[in-house]
Amino acid sequence: MKPTIYCCLFLLLSALRGASQKTKIKPDVRFASLTQAGVILGDAGNGLQLQSINGLKCSTWFAGLGIGLDNYFFRSIPVFIDLRKNLSQKQQSPFVYVDGGYNFLWSSEKDKRPSPGVVLSTDGGGYYEAGLGYLRPLGKGISLAFSAGYVYKQSSQKVNAMPWLSVWPPPKQAIETYTYSLR
């Protein structure tokens, strides 16, 4: 009986010793920054989009926080989380991405209004984006990405449709709320 126990104990200790000698490879996690410029096309016209995304890259994955300037229909500042995946281990690779966050409006006098009236307030809403792209390296640490995606942003406006009334606050019948779901 004792030789069996010693033999099992020897095998167990050998296995533990062998497992402890294996070197674990740490994932290559590093800081990465993306700067993007693009054009948004839709039924309401065209708009310019600028984004800066900063985060961590590990192997073929990237996760970061982004902020942008979106000038489609209303000027807005989306703040979002970005998640991307390169579909290949190579430096030149197709990728997929998804963003989600909040769209803060940056009002201006030239903002489009559905009807004459005085804008009382503007509010942002959800911001989502998803798409595909292709990454092409240009030099050490610099790459050029081409992508196409789908953007969805929400916003709303409260308008006093009867500004000629000199009553403050305006009556409930005078306030119109417009909710926009821009794609």
Protein backbone atom coordinates (compact mmCIF):
# COMPACT_ATOMS: atom_id res chain seq x y z
CA MET A 1 0.00 0.00 0.00
CA LYS A 2 2.79 2.43 0.94
CA PRO A 3 4.57 2.13 -2.46
CA THR A 4 1.29 3.00 -4.23
CA ILE A 5 0.82 6.13 -2.05
CA TYR A 6 4.46 7.18 -2.60
CA CYS A 7 4.14 6.59 -6.33
CA CYS A 8 0.92 8.66 -6.54
CA LEU A 9 2.48 11.42 -4.41
CA PHE A 10 5.59 11.43 -6.63
CA LEU A 11 3.45 11.70 -9.81
CA LEU A 12 1.35 14.50 -8.29
CA LEU A 13 4.43 16.50 -7.24
CA SER A 14 6.04 15.93 -10.65
CA ALA A 15 2.91 17.21 -12.38
CA LEU A 16 2.79 20.30 -10.14
CA ARG A 17 6.50 20.96 -10.68
CA GLY A 18 6.06 20.63 -14.44
CA ALA A 19 3.06 22.94 -14.43
CA SER A 20 4.90 25.57 -12.41
CA GLN A 21 7.82 25.59 -14.86
CA LYS A 22 5.64 26.49 -17.82
CA THR A 23 6.03 30.13 -18.72
CA LYS A 24 2.81 31.99 -19.12
CA ILE A 25 2.67 34.35 -22.06
CA LYS A 26 1.20 37.68 -21.05
CA PRO A 27 -1.10 39.23 -23.60
CA ASP A 28 0.38 42.22 -25.41
CA VAL A 29 -1.82 45.02 -24.04
CA ARG A 30 -0.93 48.52 -25.18
CA PHE A 31 -2.43 51.99 -25.50
CA ALA A 32 -3.81 52.93 -28.91
CA SER A 33 -5.37 56.07 -30.32
CA LEU A 34 -7.62 56.41 -33.37
CA THR A 35 -8.41 59.66 -35.17
CA GLN A 36 -11.16 59.44 -37.78
CA ALA A 37 -12.79 61.76 -40.28
CA GLY A 38 -15.74 60.86 -42.44
CA VAL A 39 -18.87 61.89 -44.27
CA ILE A 40 -22.37 60.92 -43.17
CA LEU A 41 -24.88 60.54 -46.00
CA GLY A 42 -28.64 60.43 -45.49
CA ASP A 43 -32.05 61.72 -46.54
CA ALA A 44 -31.48 64.96 -44.61
CA GLY A 45 -28.29 65.75 -46.56
CA ASN A 46 -24.64 65.21 -45.81
CA GLY A 47 -22.60 65.94 -42.73
CA LEU A 48 -19.02 65.82 -41.54
CA GLN A 49 -17.99 63.48 -38.73
CA LEU A 50 -14.77 63.73 -36.70
CA GLN A 51 -13.84 61.30 -33.92
CA SER A 52 -11.02 60.69 -31.47
CA ILE A 53 -10.94 57.30 -29.73
CA ASN A 54 -8.40 56.29 -27.09
CA GLY A 55 -8.17 52.89 -25.46
CA LEU A 56 -6.37 49.59 -25.13
CA LYS A 57 -5.42 47.12 -27.84
CA CYS A 58 -4.84 43.45 -27.05
CA SER A 59 -4.03 41.10 -29.92
CA THR A 60 -6.84 41.62 -32.45
CA TRP A 61 -9.21 43.43 -30.03
CA PHE A 62 -9.52 47.15 -29.29
CA ALA A 63 -11.72 48.82 -26.66
CA GLY A 64 -11.77 52.55 -26.00
CA LEU A 65 -13.65 55.72 -25.16
CA GLY A 66 -14.42 58.17 -27.91
CA ILE A 67 -15.66 61.69 -28.46
CA GLY A 68 -16.61 63.25 -31.75
CA LEU A 69 -18.17 66.07 -33.67
CA ASP A 70 -21.13 65.11 -35.84
CA ASN A 71 -22.61 67.72 -38.15
CA TYR A 72 -25.46 65.69 -39.68
CA PHE A 73 -28.84 67.54 -39.45
CA PHE A 74 -27.98 68.90 -35.97
CA ARG A 75 -24.48 69.63 -34.76
CA SER A 76 -23.76 67.25 -31.91
CA ILE A 77 -21.01 65.74 -29.78
CA PRO A 78 -21.27 61.97 -29.41
CA VAL A 79 -19.50 60.41 -26.42
CA PHE A 80 -19.26 56.64 -26.76
CA ILE A 81 -17.54 53.34 -26.06
CA ASP A 82 -15.86 51.77 -29.10
CA LEU A 83 -15.22 48.05 -29.53
CA ARG A 84 -13.39 46.66 -32.60
CA LYS A 85 -12.05 43.34 -33.75
CA ASN A 86 -9.51 42.75 -36.51
CA LEU A 87 -10.52 39.65 -38.43
CA SER A 88 -6.90 38.63 -39.04
CA GLN A 89 -3.63 38.58 -37.07
CA LYS A 90 -1.89 40.40 -39.94
CA GLN A 91 -1.30 44.15 -39.86
CA GLN A 92 -3.32 44.56 -43.06
CA SER A 93 -6.72 43.26 -42.03
CA PRO A 94 -10.48 43.68 -42.32
CA PHE A 95 -12.23 44.68 -39.08
CA VAL A 96 -15.67 45.11 -37.54
CA TYR A 97 -16.64 47.76 -34.99
CA VAL A 98 -19.55 48.87 -32.82
CA ASP A 99 -20.02 52.07 -30.81
CA GLY A 100 -22.61 53.00 -28.23
CA GLY A 101 -23.11 56.09 -26.12
CA TYR A 102 -24.89 59.42 -25.78
CA ASN A 103 -25.31 62.22 -28.31
CA PHE A 104 -25.05 65.74 -26.77
CA LEU A 105 -26.51 68.51 -28.94
CA TRP A 106 -24.47 71.60 -29.70
CA SER A 107 -27.16 74.04 -30.80
CA SER A 108 -26.60 76.74 -33.35
CA GLU A 109 -28.79 79.32 -35.06
CA LYS A 110 -28.64 77.48 -38.36
CA ASP A 111 -30.09 74.26 -36.89
CA LYS A 112 -33.03 73.06 -38.95
CA ARG A 113 -36.41 73.70 -37.39
CA PRO A 114 -39.55 71.88 -38.48
CA SER A 115 -41.79 74.94 -38.14
CA PRO A 116 -41.47 78.59 -37.26
CA GLY A 117 -41.23 79.17 -33.57
CA VAL A 118 -38.86 79.73 -30.71
CA VAL A 119 -36.76 76.76 -29.61
CA LEU A 120 -37.15 76.38 -25.85
CA SER A 121 -34.81 73.44 -25.33
CA THR A 122 -32.87 70.78 -27.18
CA ASP A 123 -31.89 67.43 -25.76
CA GLY A 124 -29.60 64.72 -27.02
CA GLY A 125 -30.21 61.00 -26.95
CA GLY A 126 -28.73 57.64 -27.77
CA TYR A 127 -25.88 57.23 -30.22
CA TYR A 128 -25.05 53.95 -31.95
CA GLU A 129 -22.75 53.03 -34.82
CA ALA A 130 -21.67 49.72 -36.36
CA GLY A 131 -19.74 48.83 -39.48
CA LEU A 132 -16.96 47.08 -41.35
CA GLY A 133 -13.62 48.35 -42.47
CA TYR A 134 -10.19 47.57 -43.80
CA LEU A 135 -6.94 48.49 -42.06
CA ARG A 136 -3.82 49.23 -44.13
CA PRO A 137 -0.49 50.03 -42.41
CA LEU A 138 1.42 53.08 -43.69
CA GLY A 139 4.45 52.99 -41.46
CA LYS A 140 5.57 52.07 -37.98
CA GLY A 141 2.59 52.59 -35.68
CA ILE A 142 0.50 54.41 -38.30
CA SER A 143 -2.33 52.84 -40.28
CA LEU A 144 -5.05 54.06 -42.61
CA ALA A 145 -8.53 52.61 -42.11
CA PHE A 146 -11.38 52.68 -44.61
CA SER A 147 -14.80 51.85 -43.20
CA ALA A 148 -18.50 52.00 -43.93
CA GLY A 149 -21.15 51.81 -41.26
CA TYR A 150 -24.59 52.60 -40.00
CA VAL A 151 -25.06 55.54 -37.60
CA TYR A 152 -28.13 56.13 -35.45
CA LYS A 153 -28.54 59.19 -33.25
CA GLN A 154 -31.49 60.57 -31.31
CA SER A 155 -32.39 64.10 -30.29
CA SER A 156 -35.44 66.13 -29.36
CA GLN A 157 -36.55 69.75 -29.43
CA LYS A 158 -39.24 71.68 -27.58
CA VAL A 159 -40.56 74.60 -29.61
CA ASN A 160 -42.94 77.42 -28.68
CA ALA A 161 -45.10 77.38 -31.79
CA MET A 162 -46.96 80.56 -30.70
CA PRO A 163 -44.19 83.05 -29.92
CA TRP A 164 -46.53 85.98 -30.48
CA LEU A 165 -48.29 85.19 -27.16
CA SER A 166 -46.78 87.32 -24.42
CA VAL A 167 -47.53 84.79 -21.70
CA TRP A 168 -44.71 83.14 -19.81
CA PRO A 169 -44.53 80.24 -19.46
CA PRO A 170 -46.24 79.50 -22.77
CA PRO A 171 -49.50 77.54 -22.58
CA LYS A 172 -49.27 73.76 -23.04
CA GLN A 173 -51.00 74.01 -26.44
CA ALA A 174 -48.18 76.23 -27.70
CA ILE A 175 -45.38 73.80 -26.90
CA GLU A 176 -44.55 71.26 -29.58
CA THR A 177 -42.03 68.48 -29.01
CA TYR A 178 -40.13 67.00 -31.95
CA THR A 179 -38.21 63.77 -31.53
CA TYR A 180 -35.63 62.88 -34.17
CA SER A 181 -34.27 59.43 -34.90
CA LEU A 182 -31.58 60.02 -37.49
CA ARG A 183 -30.10 57.10 -39.38
